[in-house]
PDB file of all heavy atoms in Angstrom:
ATOM      1  N   GLY A   1     -10.318  -0.167  -8.704  1.00  0.00           N
ATOM      2  CA  GLY A   1      -9.172   0.735  -8.666  1.00  0.00           C
ATOM      3  C   GLY A   1      -7.875   0.083  -9.073  1.00  0.00           C
ATOM      4  O   GLY A   1      -7.842  -1.065  -9.524  1.00  0.00           O
ATOM      5  N   ASP A   2      -6.800   0.839  -8.925  1.00  0.00           N
ATOM      6  CA  ASP A   2      -5.456   0.389  -9.268  1.00  0.00           C
ATOM      7  C   ASP A   2      -4.593   0.386  -8.016  1.00  0.00           C
ATOM      8  O   ASP A   2      -4.650   1.328  -7.210  1.00  0.00           O
ATOM      9  CB  ASP A   2      -4.824   1.321 -10.304  1.00  0.00           C
ATOM     10  CG  ASP A   2      -5.551   1.284 -11.634  1.00  0.00           C
ATOM     11  OD1 ASP A   2      -5.816   0.168 -12.127  1.00  0.00           O
ATOM     12  OD2 ASP A   2      -5.865   2.363 -12.179  1.00  0.00           O
ATOM     13  N   SER A   3      -3.796  -0.668  -7.869  1.00  0.00           N
ATOM     14  CA  SER A   3      -2.870  -0.763  -6.752  1.00  0.00           C
ATOM     15  C   SER A   3      -1.458  -0.893  -7.282  1.00  0.00           C
ATOM     16  O   SER A   3      -1.214  -1.580  -8.285  1.00  0.00           O
ATOM     17  CB  SER A   3      -3.204  -1.967  -5.865  1.00  0.00           C
ATOM     18  OG  SER A   3      -4.434  -1.780  -5.200  1.00  0.00           O
ATOM     19  N   TYR A   4      -0.522  -0.239  -6.587  1.00  0.00           N
ATOM     20  CA  TYR A   4       0.895  -0.296  -6.943  1.00  0.00           C
ATOM     21  C   TYR A   4       1.598  -1.066  -5.836  1.00  0.00           C
ATOM     22  O   TYR A   4       1.517  -0.693  -4.660  1.00  0.00           O
ATOM     23  CB  TYR A   4       1.458   1.116  -7.084  1.00  0.00           C
ATOM     24  CG  TYR A   4       0.781   1.893  -8.196  1.00  0.00           C
ATOM     25  CD1 TYR A   4      -0.447   2.526  -7.975  1.00  0.00           C
ATOM     26  CD2 TYR A   4       1.342   1.950  -9.466  1.00  0.00           C
ATOM     27  CE1 TYR A   4      -1.090   3.213  -9.005  1.00  0.00           C
ATOM     28  CE2 TYR A   4       0.703   2.642 -10.502  1.00  0.00           C
ATOM     29  CZ  TYR A   4      -0.506   3.265 -10.257  1.00  0.00           C
ATOM     30  OH  TYR A   4      -1.148   3.930 -11.278  1.00  0.00           O
ATOM     31  N   LEU A   5       2.274  -2.141  -6.200  1.00  0.00           N
ATOM     32  CA  LEU A   5       2.752  -3.132  -5.240  1.00  0.00           C
ATOM     33  C   LEU A   5       4.264  -3.240  -5.233  1.00  0.00           C
ATOM     34  O   LEU A   5       4.926  -3.042  -6.268  1.00  0.00           O
ATOM     35  CB  LEU A   5       2.149  -4.498  -5.584  1.00  0.00           C
ATOM     36  CG  LEU A   5       0.663  -4.527  -5.951  1.00  0.00           C
ATOM     37  CD1 LEU A   5       0.275  -5.879  -6.497  1.00  0.00           C
ATOM     38  CD2 LEU A   5      -0.183  -4.158  -4.747  1.00  0.00           C
ATOM     39  N   HIS A   6       4.804  -3.612  -4.067  1.00  0.00           N
ATOM     40  CA  HIS A   6       6.245  -3.846  -3.940  1.00  0.00           C
ATOM     41  C   HIS A   6       6.448  -4.975  -2.933  1.00  0.00           C
ATOM     42  O   HIS A   6       5.824  -4.984  -1.868  1.00  0.00           O
ATOM     43  CB  HIS A   6       6.948  -2.581  -3.463  1.00  0.00           C
ATOM     44  CG  HIS A   6       8.432  -2.629  -3.629  1.00  0.00           C
ATOM     45  ND1 HIS A   6       9.261  -3.277  -2.729  1.00  0.00           N
ATOM     46  CD2 HIS A   6       9.247  -2.134  -4.603  1.00  0.00           C
ATOM     47  CE1 HIS A   6      10.517  -3.153  -3.126  1.00  0.00           C
ATOM     48  NE2 HIS A   6      10.536  -2.456  -4.261  1.00  0.00           N
ATOM     49  N   PRO A   7       7.323  -5.936  -3.237  1.00  0.00           N
ATOM     50  CA  PRO A   7       7.461  -7.120  -2.367  1.00  0.00           C
ATOM     51  C   PRO A   7       8.062  -6.836  -1.001  1.00  0.00           C
ATOM     52  O   PRO A   7       7.959  -7.682  -0.105  1.00  0.00           O
ATOM     53  CB  PRO A   7       8.362  -8.051  -3.193  1.00  0.00           C
ATOM     54  CG  PRO A   7       9.098  -7.146  -4.123  1.00  0.00           C
ATOM     55  CD  PRO A   7       8.147  -6.036  -4.456  1.00  0.00           C
ATOM     56  N   ASP A   8       8.671  -5.674  -0.788  1.00  0.00           N
ATOM     57  CA  ASP A   8       9.245  -5.364   0.522  1.00  0.00           C
ATOM     58  C   ASP A   8       8.178  -4.944   1.536  1.00  0.00           C
ATOM     59  O   ASP A   8       8.462  -4.874   2.737  1.00  0.00           O
ATOM     60  CB  ASP A   8      10.273  -4.237   0.403  1.00  0.00           C
ATOM     61  CG  ASP A   8      11.577  -4.699  -0.224  1.00  0.00           C
ATOM     62  OD1 ASP A   8      11.740  -5.923  -0.432  1.00  0.00           O
ATOM     63  OD2 ASP A   8      12.430  -3.841  -0.526  1.00  0.00           O
ATOM     64  N   VAL A   9       6.976  -4.671   1.062  1.00  0.00           N
ATOM     65  CA  VAL A   9       5.904  -4.196   1.939  1.00  0.00           C
ATOM     66  C   VAL A   9       5.097  -5.388   2.441  1.00  0.00           C
ATOM     67  O   VAL A   9       4.613  -6.192   1.637  1.00  0.00           O
ATOM     68  CB  VAL A   9       4.979  -3.211   1.196  1.00  0.00           C
ATOM     69  CG1 VAL A   9       3.846  -2.744   2.107  1.00  0.00           C
ATOM     70  CG2 VAL A   9       5.786  -2.014   0.689  1.00  0.00           C
ATOM     71  N   PRO A  10       4.921  -5.529   3.758  1.00  0.00           N
ATOM     72  CA  PRO A  10       4.204  -6.694   4.301  1.00  0.00           C
ATOM     73  C   PRO A  10       2.692  -6.603   4.117  1.00  0.00           C
ATOM     74  O   PRO A  10       2.163  -5.623   3.610  1.00  0.00           O
ATOM     75  CB  PRO A  10       4.572  -6.660   5.788  1.00  0.00           C
ATOM     76  CG  PRO A  10       4.827  -5.213   6.072  1.00  0.00           C
ATOM     77  CD  PRO A  10       5.438  -4.649   4.818  1.00  0.00           C
ATOM     78  N   ILE A  11       2.022  -7.635   4.553  1.00  0.00           N
ATOM     79  CA  ILE A  11       0.568  -7.835   4.570  1.00  0.00           C
ATOM     80  C   ILE A  11       0.012  -8.026   3.169  1.00  0.00           C
ATOM     81  O   ILE A  11      -0.414  -9.117   2.814  1.00  0.00           O
ATOM     82  CB  ILE A  11      -0.179  -6.725   5.326  1.00  0.00           C
ATOM     83  CG1 ILE A  11       0.307  -6.698   6.799  1.00  0.00           C
ATOM     84  CG2 ILE A  11      -1.692  -6.984   5.292  1.00  0.00           C
ATOM     85  CD1 ILE A  11      -0.419  -5.698   7.678  1.00  0.00           C
ATOM     86  N   ASN A  12      -0.020  -6.984   2.341  1.00  0.00           N
ATOM     87  CA  ASN A  12      -0.505  -7.188   0.976  1.00  0.00           C
ATOM     88  C   ASN A  12       0.344  -6.510  -0.080  1.00  0.00           C
ATOM     89  O   ASN A  12       0.018  -6.562  -1.271  1.00  0.00           O
ATOM     90  CB  ASN A  12      -1.966  -6.743   0.843  1.00  0.00           C
ATOM     91  CG  ASN A  12      -2.153  -5.270   1.145  1.00  0.00           C
ATOM     92  OD1 ASN A  12      -1.214  -4.572   1.512  1.00  0.00           O
ATOM     93  ND2 ASN A  12      -3.365  -4.797   1.005  1.00  0.00           N
ATOM     94  N   GLY A  13       1.426  -5.864   0.330  1.00  0.00           N
ATOM     95  CA  GLY A  13       2.363  -5.307  -0.633  1.00  0.00           C
ATOM     96  C   GLY A  13       1.983  -3.971  -1.227  1.00  0.00           C
ATOM     97  O   GLY A  13       2.694  -3.455  -2.095  1.00  0.00           O
ATOM     98  N   VAL A  14       0.892  -3.362  -0.772  1.00  0.00           N
ATOM     99  CA  VAL A  14       0.386  -2.158  -1.432  1.00  0.00           C
ATOM    100  C   VAL A  14       1.160  -0.919  -0.990  1.00  0.00           C
ATOM    101  O   VAL A  14       1.265  -0.615   0.193  1.00  0.00           O
ATOM    102  CB  VAL A  14      -1.112  -1.970  -1.152  1.00  0.00           C
ATOM    103  CG1 VAL A  14      -1.606  -0.651  -1.742  1.00  0.00           C
ATOM    104  CG2 VAL A  14      -1.905  -3.136  -1.734  1.00  0.00           C
ATOM    105  N   VAL A  15       1.669  -0.197  -1.987  1.00  0.00           N
ATOM    106  CA  VAL A  15       2.377   1.067  -1.772  1.00  0.00           C
ATOM    107  C   VAL A  15       1.422   2.239  -1.949  1.00  0.00           C
ATOM    108  O   VAL A  15       1.456   3.211  -1.196  1.00  0.00           O
ATOM    109  CB  VAL A  15       3.549   1.199  -2.763  1.00  0.00           C
ATOM    110  CG1 VAL A  15       4.199   2.583  -2.672  1.00  0.00           C
ATOM    111  CG2 VAL A  15       4.580   0.110  -2.514  1.00  0.00           C
ATOM    112  N   LYS A  16       0.568   2.133  -2.957  1.00  0.00           N
ATOM    113  CA  LYS A  16      -0.389   3.193  -3.249  1.00  0.00           C
ATOM    114  C   LYS A  16      -1.607   2.576  -3.904  1.00  0.00           C
ATOM    115  O   LYS A  16      -1.483   1.633  -4.698  1.00  0.00           O
ATOM    116  CB  LYS A  16       0.228   4.246  -4.177  1.00  0.00           C
ATOM    117  CG  LYS A  16      -0.695   5.388  -4.544  1.00  0.00           C
ATOM    118  CD  LYS A  16       0.027   6.428  -5.419  1.00  0.00           C
ATOM    119  CE  LYS A  16      -0.891   7.577  -5.792  1.00  0.00           C
ATOM    120  NZ  LYS A  16      -0.169   8.615  -6.585  1.00  0.00           N
ATOM    121  N   SER A  17      -2.789   3.108  -3.596  1.00  0.00           N
ATOM    122  CA  SER A  17      -4.014   2.645  -4.236  1.00  0.00           C
ATOM    123  C   SER A  17      -4.845   3.844  -4.663  1.00  0.00           C
ATOM    124  O   SER A  17      -4.938   4.835  -3.926  1.00  0.00           O
ATOM    125  CB  SER A  17      -4.849   1.765  -3.301  1.00  0.00           C
ATOM    126  OG  SER A  17      -4.238   0.507  -3.107  1.00  0.00           O
ATOM    127  N   VAL A  18      -5.414   3.721  -5.839  1.00  0.00           N
ATOM    128  CA  VAL A  18      -6.360   4.718  -6.327  1.00  0.00           C
ATOM    129  C   VAL A  18      -7.664   3.967  -6.571  1.00  0.00           C
ATOM    130  O   VAL A  18      -7.771   3.179  -7.519  1.00  0.00           O
ATOM    131  CB  VAL A  18      -5.870   5.392  -7.615  1.00  0.00           C
ATOM    132  CG1 VAL A  18      -6.872   6.455  -8.064  1.00  0.00           C
ATOM    133  CG2 VAL A  18      -4.494   6.012  -7.406  1.00  0.00           C
ATOM    134  N   VAL A  19      -8.627   4.148  -5.681  1.00  0.00           N
ATOM    135  CA  VAL A  19      -9.890   3.418  -5.734  1.00  0.00           C
ATOM    136  C   VAL A  19     -11.014   4.422  -5.950  1.00  0.00           C
ATOM    137  O   VAL A  19     -11.274   5.263  -5.082  1.00  0.00           O
ATOM    138  CB  VAL A  19     -10.130   2.615  -4.445  1.00  0.00           C
ATOM    139  CG1 VAL A  19     -11.467   1.896  -4.505  1.00  0.00           C
ATOM    140  CG2 VAL A  19      -9.000   1.625  -4.220  1.00  0.00           C
ATOM    141  N   ASP A  20     -11.655   4.319  -7.113  1.00  0.00           N
ATOM    142  CA  ASP A  20     -12.655   5.319  -7.482  1.00  0.00           C
ATOM    143  C   ASP A  20     -12.010   6.697  -7.349  1.00  0.00           C
ATOM    144  O   ASP A  20     -11.034   6.975  -8.013  1.00  0.00           O
ATOM    145  CB  ASP A  20     -13.923   5.174  -6.635  1.00  0.00           C
ATOM    146  CG  ASP A  20     -14.644   3.850  -6.905  1.00  0.00           C
ATOM    147  OD1 ASP A  20     -14.550   3.356  -8.047  1.00  0.00           O
ATOM    148  OD2 ASP A  20     -15.281   3.326  -5.996  1.00  0.00           O
ATOM    149  N   ASP A  21     -12.513   7.550  -6.475  1.00  0.00           N
ATOM    150  CA  ASP A  21     -11.923   8.887  -6.303  1.00  0.00           C
ATOM    151  C   ASP A  21     -11.045   8.986  -5.068  1.00  0.00           C
ATOM    152  O   ASP A  21     -10.580  10.080  -4.720  1.00  0.00           O
ATOM    153  CB  ASP A  21     -13.039   9.941  -6.220  1.00  0.00           C
ATOM    154  CG  ASP A  21     -13.834  10.057  -7.508  1.00  0.00           C
ATOM    155  OD1 ASP A  21     -13.230   9.881  -8.583  1.00  0.00           O
ATOM    156  OD2 ASP A  21     -15.049  10.313  -7.429  1.00  0.00           O
ATOM    157  N   ASP A  22     -10.817   7.867  -4.391  1.00  0.00           N
ATOM    158  CA  ASP A  22     -10.043   7.886  -3.148  1.00  0.00           C
ATOM    159  C   ASP A  22      -8.612   7.413  -3.394  1.00  0.00           C
ATOM    160  O   ASP A  22      -8.385   6.448  -4.123  1.00  0.00           O
ATOM    161  CB  ASP A  22     -10.699   6.985  -2.103  1.00  0.00           C
ATOM    162  CG  ASP A  22     -12.079   7.498  -1.700  1.00  0.00           C
ATOM    163  OD1 ASP A  22     -12.242   8.721  -1.640  1.00  0.00           O
ATOM    164  OD2 ASP A  22     -12.974   6.660  -1.470  1.00  0.00           O
ATOM    165  N   VAL A  23      -7.679   8.096  -2.751  1.00  0.00           N
ATOM    166  CA  VAL A  23      -6.259   7.747  -2.871  1.00  0.00           C
ATOM    167  C   VAL A  23      -5.721   7.429  -1.488  1.00  0.00           C
ATOM    168  O   VAL A  23      -5.932   8.189  -0.534  1.00  0.00           O
ATOM    169  CB  VAL A  23      -5.451   8.898  -3.487  1.00  0.00           C
ATOM    170  CG1 VAL A  23      -3.969   8.541  -3.536  1.00  0.00           C
ATOM    171  CG2 VAL A  23      -5.956   9.235  -4.885  1.00  0.00           C
ATOM    172  N   THR A  24      -5.039   6.305  -1.360  1.00  0.00           N
ATOM    173  CA  THR A  24      -4.335   5.977  -0.121  1.00  0.00           C
ATOM    174  C   THR A  24      -2.870   5.758  -0.446  1.00  0.00           C
ATOM    175  O   THR A  24      -2.528   5.213  -1.502  1.00  0.00           O
ATOM    176  CB  THR A  24      -4.910   4.720   0.557  1.00  0.00           C
ATOM    177  OG1 THR A  24      -4.797   3.595  -0.327  1.00  0.00           O
ATOM    178  CG2 THR A  24      -6.363   4.928   0.940  1.00  0.00           C
ATOM    179  N   GLU A  25      -2.012   6.204   0.455  1.00  0.00           N
ATOM    180  CA  GLU A  25      -0.576   6.071   0.262  1.00  0.00           C
ATOM    181  C   GLU A  25       0.061   5.469   1.501  1.00  0.00           C
ATOM    182  O   GLU A  25      -0.381   5.723   2.636  1.00  0.00           O
ATOM    183  CB  GLU A  25       0.053   7.432  -0.044  1.00  0.00           C
ATOM    184  CG  GLU A  25      -0.408   8.031  -1.365  1.00  0.00           C
ATOM    185  CD  GLU A  25       0.309   9.327  -1.698  1.00  0.00           C
ATOM    186  OE1 GLU A  25       1.087   9.822  -0.835  1.00  0.00           O
ATOM    187  OE2 GLU A  25       0.102   9.851  -2.814  1.00  0.00           O
ATOM    188  N   LEU A  26       1.098   4.690   1.290  1.00  0.00           N
ATOM    189  CA  LEU A  26       1.818   4.049   2.378  1.00  0.00           C
ATOM    190  C   LEU A  26       2.619   5.099   3.142  1.00  0.00           C
ATOM    191  O   LEU A  26       3.437   5.819   2.569  1.00  0.00           O
ATOM    192  CB  LEU A  26       2.751   2.969   1.816  1.00  0.00           C
ATOM    193  CG  LEU A  26       3.485   2.084   2.813  1.00  0.00           C
ATOM    194  CD1 LEU A  26       2.504   1.222   3.592  1.00  0.00           C
ATOM    195  CD2 LEU A  26       4.498   1.197   2.087  1.00  0.00           C
ATOM    196  N   VAL A  27       2.366   5.189   4.436  1.00  0.00           N
ATOM    197  CA  VAL A  27       3.052   6.142   5.295  1.00  0.00           C
ATOM    198  C   VAL A  27       4.221   5.486   6.022  1.00  0.00           C
ATOM    199  O   VAL A  27       5.277   6.076   6.210  1.00  0.00           O
ATOM    200  CB  VAL A  27       2.063   6.747   6.316  1.00  0.00           C
ATOM    201  CG1 VAL A  27       2.782   7.636   7.327  1.00  0.00           C
ATOM    202  CG2 VAL A  27       0.985   7.545   5.587  1.00  0.00           C
ATOM    203  N   ASP A  28       4.039   4.232   6.419  1.00  0.00           N
ATOM    204  CA  ASP A  28       5.072   3.525   7.165  1.00  0.00           C
ATOM    205  C   ASP A  28       4.758   2.042   7.120  1.00  0.00           C
ATOM    206  O   ASP A  28       3.622   1.629   6.847  1.00  0.00           O
ATOM    207  CB  ASP A  28       5.095   4.009   8.614  1.00  0.00           C
ATOM    208  CG  ASP A  28       6.318   3.526   9.394  1.00  0.00           C
ATOM    209  OD1 ASP A  28       7.301   3.078   8.766  1.00  0.00           O
ATOM    210  OD2 ASP A  28       6.285   3.589  10.644  1.00  0.00           O
ATOM    211  N   PHE A  29       5.747   1.213   7.388  1.00  0.00           N
ATOM    212  CA  PHE A  29       5.526  -0.224   7.525  1.00  0.00           C
ATOM    213  C   PHE A  29       6.671  -0.824   8.322  1.00  0.00           C
ATOM    214  O   PHE A  29       7.734  -0.213   8.479  1.00  0.00           O
ATOM    215  CB  PHE A  29       5.385  -0.911   6.156  1.00  0.00           C
ATOM    216  CG  PHE A  29       6.638  -0.921   5.311  1.00  0.00           C
ATOM    217  CD1 PHE A  29       7.529  -1.991   5.358  1.00  0.00           C
ATOM    218  CD2 PHE A  29       6.921   0.136   4.450  1.00  0.00           C
ATOM    219  CE1 PHE A  29       8.662  -2.014   4.572  1.00  0.00           C
ATOM    220  CE2 PHE A  29       8.050   0.122   3.658  1.00  0.00           C
ATOM    221  CZ  PHE A  29       8.931  -0.949   3.719  1.00  0.00           C
ATOM    222  N   GLY A  30       6.450  -2.016   8.852  1.00  0.00           N
ATOM    223  CA  GLY A  30       7.489  -2.655   9.634  1.00  0.00           C
ATOM    224  C   GLY A  30       7.066  -4.038  10.084  1.00  0.00           C
ATOM    225  O   GLY A  30       6.060  -4.593   9.620  1.00  0.00           O
ATOM    226  N   PHE A  31       7.843  -4.573  11.026  1.00  0.00           N
ATOM    227  CA  PHE A  31       7.674  -5.974  11.405  1.00  0.00           C
ATOM    228  C   PHE A  31       7.662  -6.179  12.918  1.00  0.00           C
ATOM    229  O   PHE A  31       7.768  -7.302  13.393  1.00  0.00           O
ATOM    230  CB  PHE A  31       8.792  -6.798  10.759  1.00  0.00           C
ATOM    231  CG  PHE A  31       8.853  -6.610   9.269  1.00  0.00           C
ATOM    232  CD1 PHE A  31       9.640  -5.612   8.708  1.00  0.00           C
ATOM    233  CD2 PHE A  31       8.085  -7.408   8.429  1.00  0.00           C
ATOM    234  CE1 PHE A  31       9.666  -5.420   7.331  1.00  0.00           C
ATOM    235  CE2 PHE A  31       8.106  -7.218   7.058  1.00  0.00           C
ATOM    236  CZ  PHE A  31       8.891  -6.218   6.503  1.00  0.00           C
ATOM    237  N   ASN A  32       7.506  -5.083  13.654  1.00  0.00           N
ATOM    238  CA  ASN A  32       7.479  -5.172  15.121  1.00  0.00           C
ATOM    239  C   ASN A  32       6.246  -4.464  15.684  1.00  0.00           C
ATOM    240  O   ASN A  32       6.300  -3.891  16.778  1.00  0.00           O
ATOM    241  CB  ASN A  32       8.757  -4.586  15.716  1.00  0.00           C
ATOM    242  CG  ASN A  32       8.940  -3.107  15.361  1.00  0.00           C
ATOM    243  OD1 ASN A  32       8.229  -2.573  14.495  1.00  0.00           O
ATOM    244  ND2 ASN A  32       9.873  -2.443  16.020  1.00  0.00           N
ATOM    245  N   GLY A  33       5.154  -4.516  14.956  1.00  0.00           N
ATOM    246  CA  GLY A  33       3.938  -3.842  15.392  1.00  0.00           C
ATOM    247  C   GLY A  33       3.319  -4.487  16.620  1.00  0.00           C
ATOM    248  O   GLY A  33       3.385  -5.707  16.797  1.00  0.00           O
TER     249      GLY A  33
END
């Protein structure tokens, strides 16, 4: 699949991924989990 990345996002930087027929989107992120 394809991943769209941004350096402000922690862990792996992924904002959106399209993997085969599945789509995941970033809903929230932070640093006090």
